Protein backbone atom coordinates (compact mmCIF):
# COMPACT_ATOMS: atom_id res chain seq x y z
CA UNK A 1 0.00 0.00 0.00
CA UNK A 2 1.26 3.48 -0.91
CA UNK A 3 0.22 6.48 1.21
CA UNK A 4 1.03 10.04 0.12
CA UNK A 5 3.11 12.27 2.37
CA UNK A 6 0.46 14.98 2.61
CA UNK A 7 -3.32 14.88 3.07
CA UNK A 8 -5.82 16.39 0.67
CA UNK A 9 -6.47 20.07 1.33
CA UNK A 10 -8.67 22.89 0.07
CA UNK A 11 -6.01 23.82 -2.44
CA UNK A 12 -5.32 20.24 -3.50
CA UNK A 13 -8.50 18.24 -3.03
CA UNK A 14 -8.30 15.64 -5.82
CA UNK A 15 -5.88 13.07 -7.25
CA UNK A 16 -5.89 10.48 -10.03
CA UNK A 17 -4.34 7.08 -10.63
CA UNK A 18 -3.82 5.66 -14.13
CA UNK A 19 -3.70 1.88 -14.40
CA UNK A 20 -0.59 1.05 -16.45
CA UNK A 21 -0.81 -2.73 -15.96
CA UNK A 22 -3.42 -4.82 -14.14
CA UNK A 23 -0.96 -7.62 -13.46
CA UNK A 24 -2.34 -11.04 -12.54
CA UNK A 25 -5.65 -10.02 -10.93
CA UNK A 26 -6.01 -6.25 -11.22
CA UNK A 27 -6.56 -5.89 -7.46
CA UNK A 28 -5.84 -2.16 -7.43
CA UNK A 29 -7.50 0.12 -4.89
CA UNK A 30 -7.63 3.93 -4.88
CA UNK A 31 -8.85 5.98 -1.95
CA UNK A 32 -8.12 7.90 1.23
CA UNK A 33 -6.71 6.72 4.56
CA UNK A 34 -5.58 8.14 7.94
CA UNK A 35 -1.97 9.24 8.39
CA UNK A 36 -0.70 6.07 10.10
CA UNK A 37 -2.57 3.50 8.02
CA UNK A 38 -1.24 -0.08 8.01
CA UNK A 39 0.62 -0.61 4.75
CA UNK A 40 -0.13 -4.36 4.64
CA UNK A 41 -3.87 -3.72 4.17
CA UNK A 42 -5.75 -2.48 1.13
CA UNK A 43 -7.23 1.03 1.44
CA UNK A 44 -10.83 0.80 2.58
CA UNK A 45 -10.39 -2.37 4.63
CA UNK A 46 -9.63 -0.68 7.96
CA UNK A 47 -11.64 1.93 9.91
CA UNK A 48 -11.52 5.58 8.80
CA UNK A 49 -10.45 4.64 5.26
CA UNK A 50 -12.35 4.42 1.99
CA UNK A 51 -11.43 3.10 -1.46
CA UNK A 52 -12.79 2.17 -4.87
CA UNK A 53 -11.45 -1.23 -5.98
CA UNK A 54 -10.72 -1.71 -9.67
CA UNK A 55 -11.06 -5.49 -9.86
CA UNK A 56 -14.69 -5.72 -8.74
CA UNK A 57 -16.00 -2.14 -8.84
CA UNK A 58 -16.84 -2.24 -5.15
CA UNK A 59 -16.52 0.46 -2.52
CA UNK A 60 -14.79 -0.46 0.73
CA UNK A 61 -15.58 1.98 3.53
CA UNK A 62 -13.75 0.93 6.69
CA UNK A 63 -14.75 -2.67 6.14
CA UNK A 64 -13.14 -5.70 4.41
CA UNK A 65 -16.55 -6.45 2.89
CA UNK A 66 -17.29 -4.13 -0.02
CA UNK A 67 -20.54 -2.88 -1.51
CA UNK A 68 -21.31 -2.63 -5.21
CA UNK A 69 -20.44 0.88 -6.33
CA UNK A 70 -19.36 1.29 -9.94
CA UNK A 71 -17.86 -0.36 -13.02
CA UNK A 72 -14.70 -2.42 -12.97
CA UNK A 73 -11.53 -0.72 -14.18
CA UNK A 74 -8.90 -2.03 -16.57
CA UNK A 75 -5.57 -1.10 -18.11
CA UNK A 76 -5.55 2.52 -19.30
CA UNK A 77 -8.43 3.61 -17.04
CA UNK A 78 -8.03 6.60 -14.72
CA UNK A 79 -9.47 6.37 -11.22
CA UNK A 80 -9.89 9.66 -9.39
CA UNK A 81 -10.66 10.47 -5.77
CA UNK A 82 -11.42 13.78 -4.13
CA UNK A 83 -13.14 15.77 -1.40
CA UNK A 84 -15.26 18.86 -1.98
CA UNK A 85 -13.28 21.87 -0.80
CA UNK A 86 -16.15 23.23 1.31
CA UNK A 87 -16.24 20.00 3.38
CA UNK A 88 -12.79 20.23 4.96
CA UNK A 89 -14.03 21.90 8.13
CA UNK A 90 -16.66 19.23 8.79
CA UNK A 91 -16.14 16.16 10.98
CA UNK A 92 -17.75 14.00 8.31
CA UNK A 93 -17.12 14.61 4.62
CA UNK A 94 -18.30 13.30 1.27
CA UNK A 95 -15.56 11.62 -0.75
CA UNK A 96 -16.22 11.23 -4.47
CA UNK A 97 -14.68 8.87 -7.00
CA UNK A 98 -14.33 9.16 -10.77
CA UNK A 99 -13.52 6.86 -13.65
CA UNK A 100 -11.97 8.45 -16.73
CA UNK A 101 -13.12 11.89 -15.62
CA UNK A 102 -16.75 10.96 -14.92
CA UNK A 103 -18.12 10.72 -11.41
CA UNK A 104 -18.95 7.22 -10.17
CA UNK A 105 -20.45 8.10 -6.80
CA UNK A 106 -20.05 9.46 -3.27
CA UNK A 107 -19.15 7.98 0.11
CA UNK A 108 -19.48 9.53 3.57
CA UNK A 109 -16.27 9.31 5.60
CA UNK A 110 -15.18 10.62 9.01
CA UNK A 111 -12.50 13.32 8.75
CA UNK A 112 -9.71 12.89 11.30
CA UNK A 113 -7.69 15.79 12.73
CA UNK A 114 -4.68 14.81 10.59
CA UNK A 115 -6.81 14.73 7.44
CA UNK A 116 -7.28 12.12 4.72
CA UNK A 117 -4.24 10.94 2.75
CA UNK A 118 -4.29 9.68 -0.87
CA UNK A 119 -3.60 5.95 -0.97
CA UNK A 120 -3.13 3.23 -3.58
CA UNK A 121 -3.18 -0.48 -2.85
CA UNK A 122 -1.99 -3.32 -5.10
CA UNK A 123 -2.33 -7.02 -4.37
CA UNK A 124 -1.05 -9.17 -7.25
CA UNK A 125 2.13 -9.56 -9.29
CA UNK A 126 2.72 -7.19 -12.19
CA UNK A 127 0.32 -4.44 -11.16
CA UNK A 128 1.59 -0.99 -12.09
CA UNK A 129 0.02 2.46 -11.76
CA UNK A 130 0.89 6.11 -12.34
CA UNK A 131 -0.13 8.52 -9.57
CA UNK A 132 -0.92 12.21 -10.19
CA UNK A 133 -1.28 14.01 -6.86
CA UNK A 134 -1.73 17.38 -8.60
CA UNK A 135 -4.62 16.35 -10.85
CA UNK A 136 -7.51 18.74 -11.43
CA UNK A 137 -11.05 17.80 -12.31
CA UNK A 138 -13.73 19.99 -13.92
CA UNK A 139 -12.84 23.23 -12.20
CA UNK A 140 -14.95 26.28 -12.96
CA UNK A 141 -13.35 29.28 -14.65
CA UNK A 142 -12.75 30.95 -11.29
CA UNK A 143 -11.10 27.78 -9.97
CA UNK A 144 -13.07 28.20 -6.75
CA UNK A 145 -15.52 25.34 -6.95
CA UNK A 146 -15.35 21.78 -8.15
CA UNK A 147 -18.15 20.71 -10.46
CA UNK A 148 -19.70 17.32 -9.71
CA UNK A 149 -21.95 15.59 -12.23
CA UNK A 150 -24.49 13.43 -10.41
CA UNK A 151 -25.85 12.18 -13.77
CA UNK A 152 -29.41 12.55 -12.46
CA UNK A 153 -30.15 15.09 -15.20
CA UNK A 154 -29.44 12.39 -17.79
CA UNK A 155 -32.67 10.62 -16.85
CA UNK A 156 -36.11 11.83 -17.85
CA UNK A 157 -37.96 9.18 -15.85
CA UNK A 158 -36.91 6.98 -12.94
CA UNK A 159 -39.26 4.47 -11.32
CA UNK A 160 -38.02 2.17 -8.54
CA UNK A 161 -34.46 2.85 -9.72
CA UNK A 162 -31.82 4.67 -7.68
CA UNK A 163 -29.08 6.69 -9.39
CA UNK A 164 -25.62 6.98 -7.85
CA UNK A 165 -23.22 8.54 -10.34
CA UNK A 166 -23.22 6.19 -13.32
CA UNK A 167 -24.70 3.32 -11.28
CA UNK A 168 -28.38 2.35 -11.60
CA UNK A 169 -29.80 0.16 -8.83
CA UNK A 170 -33.22 -1.49 -8.69
CA UNK A 171 -34.95 -0.65 -5.40
CA UNK A 172 -38.44 -2.04 -6.06
CA UNK A 173 -40.20 -4.91 -4.31
CA UNK A 174 -39.56 -7.51 -7.02
CA UNK A 175 -42.57 -9.54 -5.89
CA UNK A 176 -44.68 -9.62 -9.06
CA UNK A 177 -44.53 -9.06 -12.80
CA UNK A 178 -45.71 -5.48 -12.21
CA UNK A 179 -42.77 -4.61 -9.93
CA UNK A 180 -40.59 -3.36 -12.78
CA UNK A 181 -37.98 -0.65 -12.30
CA UNK A 182 -37.61 1.70 -15.26
CA UNK A 183 -34.86 4.20 -16.09
CA UNK A 184 -35.51 6.18 -19.25
CA UNK A 185 -33.02 8.68 -20.65
CA UNK A 186 -34.06 12.30 -21.00
CA UNK A 187 -33.01 12.52 -24.65
CA UNK A 188 -33.59 10.15 -27.61
CA UNK A 189 -30.85 8.63 -29.72
CA UNK A 190 -29.79 10.83 -32.63
CA UNK A 191 -27.40 10.68 -35.57
CA UNK A 192 -24.79 12.31 -33.33
CA UNK A 193 -25.41 10.02 -30.35
CA UNK A 194 -26.73 6.76 -31.72
CA UNK A 195 -25.41 4.11 -29.31
CA UNK A 196 -25.13 3.39 -25.59
CA UNK A 197 -23.90 0.58 -23.34
CA UNK A 198 -24.75 -0.89 -19.95
CA UNK A 199 -22.41 -3.01 -17.84
CA UNK A 200 -24.01 -5.54 -15.50
CA UNK A 201 -22.37 -4.86 -12.14
CA UNK A 202 -24.63 -7.21 -10.15
CA UNK A 203 -27.11 -9.63 -11.74
CA UNK A 204 -29.23 -9.90 -8.59
CA UNK A 205 -31.31 -13.03 -8.08
CA UNK A 206 -32.46 -13.64 -11.66
CA UNK A 207 -30.81 -10.97 -13.86
CA UNK A 208 -34.12 -9.53 -15.06
CA UNK A 209 -32.30 -6.75 -16.90
CA UNK A 210 -33.56 -5.39 -20.22
CA UNK A 211 -31.79 -2.95 -22.54
CA UNK A 212 -33.48 -1.21 -25.44
CA UNK A 213 -35.46 1.72 -26.79
CA UNK A 214 -38.96 2.95 -25.97
CA UNK A 215 -41.33 5.83 -26.62
CA UNK A 216 -41.28 8.81 -24.30
CA UNK A 217 -44.57 7.88 -22.59
CA UNK A 218 -43.72 4.19 -22.16
CA UNK A 219 -45.55 2.49 -19.20
CA UNK A 220 -43.41 2.64 -16.07
CA UNK A 221 -44.38 -0.84 -14.87
CA UNK A 222 -43.50 -2.70 -18.08
CA UNK A 223 -40.09 -3.97 -19.14
CA UNK A 224 -38.79 -2.40 -22.37
CA UNK A 225 -39.90 -4.59 -25.24
CA UNK A 226 -43.09 -5.84 -23.61
CA UNK A 227 -45.42 -3.08 -24.82
CA UNK A 228 -46.10 -1.28 -28.08
CA UNK A 229 -43.50 1.29 -29.06
CA UNK A 230 -40.49 -0.51 -27.63
CA UNK A 231 -37.81 -3.07 -28.40
CA UNK A 232 -35.34 -4.65 -25.98
CA UNK A 233 -32.75 -7.38 -25.50
CA UNK A 234 -33.33 -9.25 -22.22
CA UNK A 235 -30.29 -10.46 -20.31
CA UNK A 236 -31.90 -13.32 -18.39
CA UNK A 237 -32.97 -15.38 -21.42
CA UNK A 238 -31.18 -13.76 -24.38
CA UNK A 239 -34.48 -13.05 -26.14
CA UNK A 240 -35.56 -10.00 -28.13
CA UNK A 241 -38.91 -8.48 -27.17
CA UNK A 242 -40.50 -6.25 -29.80
CA UNK A 243 -43.74 -4.72 -28.54
CA UNK A 244 -44.87 -8.05 -27.13
CA UNK A 245 -44.74 -10.00 -23.88
CA UNK A 246 -43.51 -13.01 -25.86
CA UNK A 247 -39.88 -12.87 -26.91
CA UNK A 248 -37.94 -14.53 -29.72
CA UNK A 249 -34.56 -16.24 -29.45
CA UNK A 250 -31.97 -13.59 -30.29
CA UNK A 251 -28.59 -13.86 -28.57
CA UNK A 252 -26.68 -15.24 -25.60
CA UNK A 253 -27.77 -14.75 -22.02
CA UNK A 254 -25.84 -12.06 -20.14
CA UNK A 255 -24.27 -12.21 -16.71
CA UNK A 256 -22.33 -10.14 -14.18
CA UNK A 257 -19.49 -8.30 -15.90
CA UNK A 258 -21.07 -8.43 -19.37
CA UNK A 259 -21.54 -5.23 -21.36
CA UNK A 260 -24.76 -4.88 -23.37
CA UNK A 261 -25.10 -2.25 -26.07
CA UNK A 262 -27.95 -0.79 -28.10
CA UNK A 263 -27.89 1.57 -31.05
CA UNK A 264 -29.45 2.65 -34.33
CA UNK A 265 -27.79 2.43 -37.75
CA UNK A 266 -29.19 5.59 -39.32
CA UNK A 267 -29.24 5.87 -43.14
CA UNK A 268 -26.73 8.38 -44.48
CA UNK A 269 -29.54 10.67 -45.65
CA UNK A 270 -31.55 10.40 -42.43
CA UNK A 271 -32.89 13.68 -41.01
CA UNK A 272 -34.09 13.74 -37.41
CA UNK A 273 -37.58 15.24 -37.45
CA UNK A 274 -39.19 16.40 -34.21
CA UNK A 275 -39.24 13.50 -31.80
CA UNK A 276 -37.37 11.48 -34.44
CA UNK A 277 -36.68 8.01 -33.15
CA UNK A 278 -39.47 8.25 -30.60
CA UNK A 279 -42.03 8.84 -33.36
CA UNK A 280 -40.62 5.94 -35.35
CA UNK A 281 -40.81 3.63 -32.36
CA UNK A 282 -44.43 4.61 -31.81
CA UNK A 283 -45.22 2.81 -35.03
CA UNK A 284 -43.71 -0.43 -33.73
CA UNK A 285 -45.72 -3.26 -32.31
């Protein structure tokens, strides 16, 4: 475990680590620890420390048992960690983490008198990182305030789904076919932004995860693909659902760690008109 010589401060409240090589297992952790942290333990495992672990995307907050937090990280990825400058006087502060410049989420951590020190842990042969203790992240023009993107504005509708940075978590009852959680983006796909991806961080009990496209007024208690004006690829059975509750065999089943993508191959002469894709989808079914 590496611990920096100085804690984060108001003038230097963020740092980044670039993964040069994941080695055998990619067990790289980035976070904050107290001044006299034990160097034979990963950051986040012991009290008063917190860390985002690259190999499993989990957050460890003073506990050797982590909680699902964000995507896994690989060679070439940048993991960032920081504290909002206005929080340094508080006894408890919000620590935020980023991946490749985009916020992953927040964690509440107790602030000791000595402060919180940048730390990097590695746990398998061949792991190599580059540490930038002077990194800056989305500073405003006056350099006085750090901008944090919660990603909540990306979503037009959220039903029984919790947003934490780039992480979507189902928080519904899951007792019946009507207990569907829906996250629908605020904006439709366009010729400039025609594709998106979702990584399965945790498959839950049955991996009832569906990825697709739907009309703006799509029913909140129906999986994408089940009702008119939608199409979706379902992870649990690999079927495609196209405006019907009965799916057709389409592709492989998807599991934890898989990345599912969805996009539109627009014709070269396509012109987006009004609602564009949403109007086109309304004709489906």
